[in-house]
Protein backbone atom coordinates (compact mmCIF):
# COMPACT_ATOMS: atom_id res chain seq x y z
CA MET A 1 26.13 -15.50 -57.72
CA ASN A 2 27.41 -12.22 -58.99
CA LYS A 3 29.78 -11.15 -61.76
CA MET A 4 33.02 -10.82 -59.02
CA GLN A 5 32.13 -14.41 -57.59
CA ASP A 6 31.96 -15.72 -61.32
CA ARG A 7 35.16 -13.79 -62.26
CA ASP A 8 36.51 -15.47 -59.29
CA GLU A 9 35.55 -18.90 -59.93
CA ARG A 10 36.94 -19.07 -63.37
CA HIS A 11 40.11 -18.91 -61.91
CA ILE A 12 39.32 -22.20 -60.03
CA ILE A 13 41.01 -25.43 -61.95
CA ALA A 14 39.58 -28.58 -61.25
CA CYS A 15 41.67 -31.75 -61.46
CA HIS A 16 41.35 -35.38 -61.13
CA THR A 17 43.12 -37.19 -58.78
CA THR A 18 45.53 -38.71 -61.33
CA ASP A 19 46.85 -35.67 -63.18
CA PHE A 20 49.75 -34.23 -61.46
CA GLU A 21 50.33 -31.53 -64.27
CA CYS A 22 46.58 -30.19 -63.48
CA PHE A 23 47.47 -29.61 -59.83
CA LYS A 24 50.15 -27.96 -60.79
CA ARG A 25 48.33 -25.69 -63.25
CA GLN A 26 45.73 -25.15 -60.74
CA TYR A 27 48.35 -23.76 -57.75
CA LYS A 28 49.61 -21.36 -60.25
CA SER A 29 46.25 -20.21 -61.18
CA LEU A 30 45.16 -19.57 -57.49
CA LYS A 31 48.62 -18.06 -56.66
CA ASP A 32 48.64 -15.82 -59.92
CA ASN A 33 44.77 -14.63 -59.90
CA ALA A 34 43.89 -14.54 -55.69
CA LEU A 35 46.74 -14.89 -53.75
CA LEU A 36 49.42 -12.38 -55.00
CA ARG A 37 49.82 -8.77 -53.85
CA PRO A 38 47.17 -5.89 -55.12
CA GLY A 39 47.87 -4.23 -57.98
CA LEU A 40 49.84 -7.09 -60.13
CA LEU A 41 46.63 -7.53 -61.51
CA PRO A 42 44.27 -4.91 -61.89
CA TRP A 43 41.44 -6.60 -60.04
CA SER A 44 42.99 -8.80 -57.95
CA MET A 45 42.20 -6.53 -54.24
CA LEU A 46 38.89 -6.21 -55.21
CA SER A 47 38.60 -10.22 -55.74
CA ASN A 48 40.61 -10.91 -52.59
CA MET A 49 37.86 -8.49 -50.74
CA ASN A 50 34.99 -10.28 -52.51
CA LEU A 51 36.44 -13.40 -51.24
CA GLY A 52 36.80 -12.40 -47.83
CA ILE A 53 41.10 -13.34 -47.63
CA GLU A 54 43.45 -10.78 -46.97
CA THR A 55 46.06 -10.65 -49.48
CA TYR A 56 49.78 -11.31 -49.59
CA THR A 57 52.23 -8.41 -49.64
CA PRO A 58 56.05 -9.07 -49.15
CA TYR A 59 57.57 -9.19 -45.72
CA VAL A 60 59.59 -6.00 -45.01
CA TYR A 61 61.43 -5.60 -41.62
CA GLN A 62 63.53 -2.81 -39.94
CA TYR A 63 67.44 -3.48 -40.42
CA ALA A 64 68.81 -1.88 -37.18
CA ASP A 65 69.51 1.71 -37.09
CA THR A 66 70.43 1.87 -41.33
CA GLY A 67 67.53 3.66 -42.32
CA THR A 68 67.17 1.10 -44.41
CA CYS A 69 64.67 -2.17 -44.22
CA ILE A 70 65.08 -6.22 -45.45
CA GLN A 71 62.30 -7.24 -47.89
CA ILE A 72 61.88 -10.55 -48.38
CA SER A 73 60.26 -12.13 -51.56
CA GLY A 74 59.72 -14.81 -53.83
CA LEU A 75 56.62 -16.33 -53.60
CA GLU A 76 55.54 -14.66 -56.72
CA GLN A 77 57.02 -17.17 -58.28
CA SER A 78 56.77 -19.99 -56.09
CA GLU A 79 55.87 -23.58 -58.17
CA LEU A 80 54.14 -26.32 -57.05
CA VAL A 81 56.41 -29.70 -57.13
CA ALA A 82 54.70 -32.26 -55.22
CA ILE A 83 50.99 -32.75 -53.60
CA SER A 84 49.17 -35.43 -51.58
CA MET A 85 45.97 -36.35 -50.01
CA ASN A 86 45.52 -38.63 -47.43
CA SER A 87 41.86 -39.65 -46.42
CA GLN A 88 43.38 -42.07 -44.03
CA TYR A 89 45.31 -39.61 -41.95
CA LYS A 90 43.06 -36.50 -43.13
CA GLU A 91 46.42 -34.74 -44.14
CA TYR A 92 46.42 -32.58 -47.19
CA SER A 93 49.99 -31.52 -48.26
CA ILE A 94 51.68 -29.34 -50.85
CA MET A 95 56.00 -28.48 -51.72
CA LEU A 96 56.59 -25.38 -53.38
CA GLU A 97 59.80 -24.49 -54.68
CA MET A 98 60.89 -20.43 -55.02
CA PRO A 99 63.34 -17.99 -55.54
CA PHE A 100 64.51 -16.66 -51.98
CA LYS A 101 64.87 -13.02 -53.22
CA ILE A 102 66.54 -10.68 -50.28
CA GLN A 103 66.60 -6.95 -50.76
CA GLN A 104 67.69 -3.88 -49.04
CA ILE A 105 65.40 -0.84 -49.61
CA LEU A 106 64.66 2.90 -47.89
CA ASN A 107 63.10 2.92 -45.14
CA GLY A 108 59.68 5.00 -45.95
CA THR A 109 59.07 2.88 -49.20
CA GLU A 110 57.50 0.36 -47.54
CA HIS A 111 55.85 -0.41 -43.55
CA CYS A 112 58.56 -2.13 -41.36
CA ASN A 113 58.28 -4.74 -39.19
CA GLU A 114 60.03 -5.18 -35.61
CA PRO A 115 62.46 -7.94 -36.35
CA ASP A 116 62.26 -10.98 -34.57
CA ARG A 117 65.79 -10.84 -33.17
CA ALA A 118 67.24 -7.14 -32.32
CA PHE A 119 69.98 -5.99 -34.49
CA GLN A 120 73.08 -4.50 -32.76
CA LYS A 121 74.05 -1.10 -33.71
CA ILE A 122 75.27 -0.80 -37.20
CA GLY A 123 74.60 3.23 -38.20
CA LEU A 124 73.16 5.01 -40.97
CA HIS A 125 73.76 2.93 -44.61
CA LYS A 126 75.75 4.20 -46.99
CA GLY A 127 76.60 3.24 -50.58
CA PRO A 128 74.68 1.05 -53.08
CA LEU A 129 71.48 -0.99 -51.48
CA ARG A 130 72.45 -4.59 -51.40
CA ARG A 131 70.05 -7.41 -52.84
CA PHE A 132 70.92 -10.95 -53.04
CA THR A 133 68.84 -14.42 -54.86
CA GLY A 134 68.75 -17.79 -53.58
CA ASN A 135 66.60 -20.73 -53.40
CA ALA A 136 63.44 -22.04 -50.99
CA THR A 137 61.72 -25.40 -50.50
CA ALA A 138 58.43 -25.62 -48.14
CA GLN A 139 56.50 -28.50 -47.16
CA VAL A 140 53.44 -27.17 -46.14
CA THR A 141 50.79 -30.25 -44.31
CA TYR A 142 47.37 -29.34 -43.56
CA PRO A 143 44.90 -31.48 -41.14
CA TYR A 144 41.78 -31.49 -42.76
CA ARG A 145 38.10 -32.77 -42.29
CA LEU A 146 34.96 -32.60 -44.67
CA ASP A 147 32.08 -31.00 -44.00
CA GLN A 148 28.68 -30.78 -45.64
CA SER A 149 26.50 -27.77 -46.24
CA GLU A 150 23.34 -27.58 -48.57
CA GLY A 151 24.15 -30.54 -50.26
CA GLU A 152 28.03 -29.86 -51.06
CA THR A 153 31.19 -31.31 -49.47
CA TYR A 154 33.54 -28.90 -48.40
CA LEU A 155 37.73 -29.20 -47.53
CA ARG A 156 38.25 -27.28 -44.34
CA LEU A 157 42.00 -27.35 -44.37
CA GLU A 158 43.25 -26.85 -40.32
CA GLU A 159 46.31 -24.70 -39.37
CA GLU A 160 49.39 -25.79 -41.44
CA ASN A 161 52.71 -27.59 -40.27
CA LEU A 162 55.48 -25.67 -42.01
CA ASP A 163 59.22 -27.04 -43.04
CA MET A 164 61.14 -24.68 -45.19
CA ILE A 165 65.01 -25.14 -45.87
CA LEU A 166 66.78 -21.74 -47.51
CA ASP A 167 69.27 -22.11 -50.07
CA LEU A 168 71.98 -19.03 -49.97
CA PRO A 169 74.76 -19.90 -51.81
CA ASP A 170 78.22 -19.30 -50.12
CA LEU A 171 80.37 -17.41 -52.18
CA SER A 172 83.11 -16.67 -49.55
CA HIS A 173 85.27 -18.57 -52.15
CA PHE A 174 85.03 -15.80 -55.06
CA ASP A 175 88.50 -13.85 -55.58
CA LYS A 176 88.37 -10.92 -53.60
CA THR A 177 90.42 -8.65 -55.77
CA ASP A 178 87.68 -9.07 -58.29
CA PRO A 179 85.38 -6.00 -57.89
CA THR A 180 82.28 -8.18 -59.20
CA GLN A 181 83.28 -11.04 -57.45
CA ALA A 182 84.45 -9.51 -53.79
CA ARG A 183 81.08 -7.76 -54.02
CA LEU A 184 78.62 -10.76 -54.55
CA SER A 185 81.39 -12.73 -51.74
CA GLU A 186 80.33 -10.06 -49.44
CA TRP A 187 76.34 -9.80 -50.71
CA SER A 188 76.14 -13.55 -49.79
CA ALA A 189 77.61 -13.36 -46.12
CA TRP A 190 75.31 -10.43 -45.77
CA ALA A 191 71.99 -11.90 -47.24
CA TYR A 192 72.67 -15.34 -44.79
CA ARG A 193 73.28 -12.74 -41.57
CA VAL A 194 70.23 -10.47 -42.10
CA VAL A 195 68.12 -13.76 -42.19
CA GLN A 196 68.84 -15.04 -39.24
CA HIS A 197 66.86 -11.97 -37.67
CA ALA A 198 63.38 -12.86 -38.89
CA ASP A 199 61.23 -16.18 -38.76
CA ILE A 200 60.74 -16.42 -42.13
CA ALA A 201 58.98 -19.42 -42.31
CA LYS A 202 56.08 -18.01 -39.98
CA HIS A 203 56.24 -14.14 -41.65
CA VAL A 204 56.98 -15.09 -45.18
CA LEU A 205 55.55 -18.67 -45.65
CA MET A 206 52.50 -18.75 -43.63
CA SER A 207 50.69 -16.04 -44.59
CA HIS A 208 50.98 -17.00 -48.24
CA THR A 209 49.51 -20.79 -47.05
CA THR A 210 46.77 -19.10 -44.69
CA LEU A 211 45.84 -17.44 -47.41
CA LEU A 212 45.36 -20.59 -49.43
CA ARG A 213 44.02 -22.51 -46.87
CA ASP A 214 40.80 -20.06 -46.79
CA LEU A 215 40.72 -19.27 -49.99
CA ILE A 216 39.86 -23.39 -50.53
CA GLY A 217 37.71 -23.47 -47.86
CA ARG A 218 35.66 -20.71 -49.50
CA PHE A 219 34.19 -23.29 -52.35
CA PRO A 220 32.63 -26.96 -52.80
CA LEU A 221 35.41 -29.60 -53.27
CA LYS A 222 34.60 -30.16 -56.38
CA LYS A 223 35.48 -27.20 -57.69
CA PHE A 224 39.13 -27.93 -56.74
CA LEU A 225 39.29 -32.04 -57.20
CA LEU A 226 37.20 -34.38 -59.52
CA LEU A 227 36.14 -37.92 -58.60
CA TYR A 228 36.06 -40.93 -60.88
CA PRO A 229 32.76 -42.70 -60.90
CA GLU A 230 34.51 -45.20 -58.34
CA GLU A 231 36.00 -42.27 -56.35
CA GLU A 232 34.54 -40.66 -52.96
CA TYR A 233 35.87 -38.04 -51.18
CA SER A 234 35.93 -39.54 -47.77
CA ASN A 235 38.08 -42.01 -49.26
CA ILE A 236 40.89 -40.22 -51.33
CA GLN A 237 44.56 -41.24 -51.72
CA PHE A 238 47.05 -39.81 -54.23
CA SER A 239 50.77 -38.93 -54.07
CA PHE A 240 52.87 -36.80 -56.88
CA SER A 241 56.09 -35.58 -56.61
CA GLU A 242 58.98 -34.22 -58.66
CA ASN A 243 61.37 -36.35 -56.47
CA THR A 244 62.38 -33.15 -54.52
CA VAL A 245 63.55 -34.24 -51.01
CA LEU A 246 63.01 -31.90 -48.28
């Protein structure tokens, strides 16, 4: 194992099936040290190249003919709030909570994708660039199989099923005669409109969960999940939650 591989592996936290707090730390370590955008850590790009997985970047799509784009972010601050594994049904599930950040940026600062649903003609943007923050909850379920290779067991996660709920506060009741409240009210309505033009679960969440799926498959399962003497990987069942309901 070379030094880069050894460094990659140091950021994987192995957890027993009874330790929910450990699983939360495990997700945070993987998110912060392997799955985020290059540049947040000085070696993250090289690390992901070494692992053979792509790196996460915020999703950006064109905002009509305004000369601006919409950037969606928040996964950088996501937290694990539930996790389960069921060997009977061969399912591995996680639930994430995160801020949902919508920001208008100038076209040219990032590559802008075409929106999934076209905007009507709006015209060049004038005035301050808008931004708004809500919350998101995501349930991610991976079917899985166990593979054996060179005496090691690997968890092969298959294509994930996603459910995502966006919570964008409705500020329409704010006082329109107050400049600050009027602006927040307008921006909340704007945020709700612009997110209707992109498949958020597909473009924002799936890119992240696919990276996680690929990463887990690169290392033996024992690097992620520790067994008690009476346990076997072929017969694992556990479930933890912070009482978040999706």
